[in-house]
């Protein structure tokens, strides 16, 4: 994964989440579960690392702002 950009964690409550999961469905389900609780900038695709099992997903969460359904 790329390095974390300082702007994404410059204040308390901002979170960068890197997920490693067995498959896309699991990674996106985890992202959706967190996005139900807090404002999120969801990812639309996973990545695969050559020679490594599973998929990776990075998304951004703002715990200062609850999700307003």
C-alpha atoms as a PDB file:
ATOM      1  CA  UNK A   1       0.000   0.000   0.000  1.00  0.00           C
ATOM      2  CA  UNK A   2       1.003   3.587  -0.546  1.00  0.00           C
ATOM      3  CA  UNK A   3       2.282   5.639   2.381  1.00  0.00           C
ATOM      4  CA  UNK A   4      -0.358   7.423   4.464  1.00  0.00           C
ATOM      5  CA  UNK A   5      -0.826  11.059   3.501  1.00  0.00           C
ATOM      6  CA  UNK A   6      -0.437  13.392   6.490  1.00  0.00           C
ATOM      7  CA  UNK A   7      -3.637  15.277   5.625  1.00  0.00           C
ATOM      8  CA  UNK A   8      -5.670  12.109   6.284  1.00  0.00           C
ATOM      9  CA  UNK A   9      -4.577  11.973   9.938  1.00  0.00           C
ATOM     10  CA  UNK A  10      -3.845  15.607  10.765  1.00  0.00           C
ATOM     11  CA  UNK A  11      -6.545  15.834  13.456  1.00  0.00           C
ATOM     12  CA  UNK A  12      -7.797  13.522  16.207  1.00  0.00           C
ATOM     13  CA  UNK A  13     -10.688  11.405  14.956  1.00  0.00           C
ATOM     14  CA  UNK A  14      -9.418  10.995  11.381  1.00  0.00           C
ATOM     15  CA  UNK A  15      -8.508   7.405  10.554  1.00  0.00           C
ATOM     16  CA  UNK A  16      -6.875   5.594   7.635  1.00  0.00           C
ATOM     17  CA  UNK A  17      -7.972   1.966   7.584  1.00  0.00           C
ATOM     18  CA  UNK A  18      -6.012  -0.680   5.697  1.00  0.00           C
ATOM     19  CA  UNK A  19      -7.897  -3.959   5.490  1.00  0.00           C
ATOM     20  CA  UNK A  20      -6.497  -7.345   4.504  1.00  0.00           C
ATOM     21  CA  UNK A  21      -9.215  -9.885   3.765  1.00  0.00           C
ATOM     22  CA  UNK A  22      -9.703 -13.220   2.050  1.00  0.00           C
ATOM     23  CA  UNK A  23     -11.876 -11.752  -0.708  1.00  0.00           C
ATOM     24  CA  UNK A  24     -13.572  -8.606  -2.030  1.00  0.00           C
ATOM     25  CA  UNK A  25     -16.910  -9.392  -0.386  1.00  0.00           C
ATOM     26  CA  UNK A  26     -15.356  -9.619   3.071  1.00  0.00           C
ATOM     27  CA  UNK A  27     -13.341  -6.412   2.666  1.00  0.00           C
ATOM     28  CA  UNK A  28     -16.353  -4.442   1.415  1.00  0.00           C
ATOM     29  CA  UNK A  29     -18.610  -5.870   4.150  1.00  0.00           C
ATOM     30  CA  UNK A  30     -16.155  -4.638   6.791  1.00  0.00           C
ATOM     31  CA  UNK A  31     -15.992  -1.212   5.147  1.00  0.00           C
ATOM     32  CA  UNK A  32     -19.806  -1.026   5.030  1.00  0.00           C
ATOM     33  CA  UNK A  33     -20.122  -1.970   8.702  1.00  0.00           C
ATOM     34  CA  UNK A  34     -17.878   0.913   9.756  1.00  0.00           C
ATOM     35  CA  UNK A  35     -19.499   3.336   7.304  1.00  0.00           C
ATOM     36  CA  UNK A  36     -22.852   2.680   9.020  1.00  0.00           C
ATOM     37  CA  UNK A  37     -21.454   4.297  12.166  1.00  0.00           C
ATOM     38  CA  UNK A  38     -19.186   7.107  10.936  1.00  0.00           C
ATOM     39  CA  UNK A  39     -18.668   9.339   7.938  1.00  0.00           C
ATOM     40  CA  UNK A  40     -16.423   7.513   5.480  1.00  0.00           C
ATOM     41  CA  UNK A  41     -14.747   7.990   2.140  1.00  0.00           C
ATOM     42  CA  UNK A  42     -15.280   4.456   0.870  1.00  0.00           C
ATOM     43  CA  UNK A  43     -13.018   2.662  -1.565  1.00  0.00           C
ATOM     44  CA  UNK A  44     -14.515   1.239  -4.732  1.00  0.00           C
ATOM     45  CA  UNK A  45     -11.909  -1.420  -5.472  1.00  0.00           C
ATOM     46  CA  UNK A  46      -9.496  -3.742  -3.746  1.00  0.00           C
ATOM     47  CA  UNK A  47      -5.892  -4.449  -4.667  1.00  0.00           C
ATOM     48  CA  UNK A  48      -3.855  -7.625  -4.692  1.00  0.00           C
ATOM     49  CA  UNK A  49      -0.187  -7.896  -3.746  1.00  0.00           C
ATOM     50  CA  UNK A  50       1.748 -10.321  -5.913  1.00  0.00           C
ATOM     51  CA  UNK A  51       2.630 -13.450  -3.986  1.00  0.00           C
ATOM     52  CA  UNK A  52       0.365 -12.548  -1.040  1.00  0.00           C
ATOM     53  CA  UNK A  53      -2.975 -14.163  -0.236  1.00  0.00           C
ATOM     54  CA  UNK A  54      -6.244 -12.248  -0.256  1.00  0.00           C
ATOM     55  CA  UNK A  55      -7.039  -8.638  -1.088  1.00  0.00           C
ATOM     56  CA  UNK A  56      -6.317  -5.232   0.425  1.00  0.00           C
ATOM     57  CA  UNK A  57      -8.573  -2.230   0.807  1.00  0.00           C
ATOM     58  CA  UNK A  58      -7.808   1.284   2.088  1.00  0.00           C
ATOM     59  CA  UNK A  59     -10.482   3.745   3.081  1.00  0.00           C
ATOM     60  CA  UNK A  60     -10.795   6.829   5.241  1.00  0.00           C
ATOM     61  CA  UNK A  61     -13.018   7.382   8.243  1.00  0.00           C
ATOM     62  CA  UNK A  62     -13.945  10.500  10.189  1.00  0.00           C
ATOM     63  CA  UNK A  63     -14.940   9.441  13.700  1.00  0.00           C
ATOM     64  CA  UNK A  64     -15.793  13.041  14.576  1.00  0.00           C
ATOM     65  CA  UNK A  65     -18.876  12.887  12.337  1.00  0.00           C
ATOM     66  CA  UNK A  66     -21.463  10.174  12.811  1.00  0.00           C
ATOM     67  CA  UNK A  67     -23.086   8.931   9.647  1.00  0.00           C
ATOM     68  CA  UNK A  68     -26.407  10.654   9.126  1.00  0.00           C
ATOM     69  CA  UNK A  69     -28.669   8.202   7.316  1.00  0.00           C
END
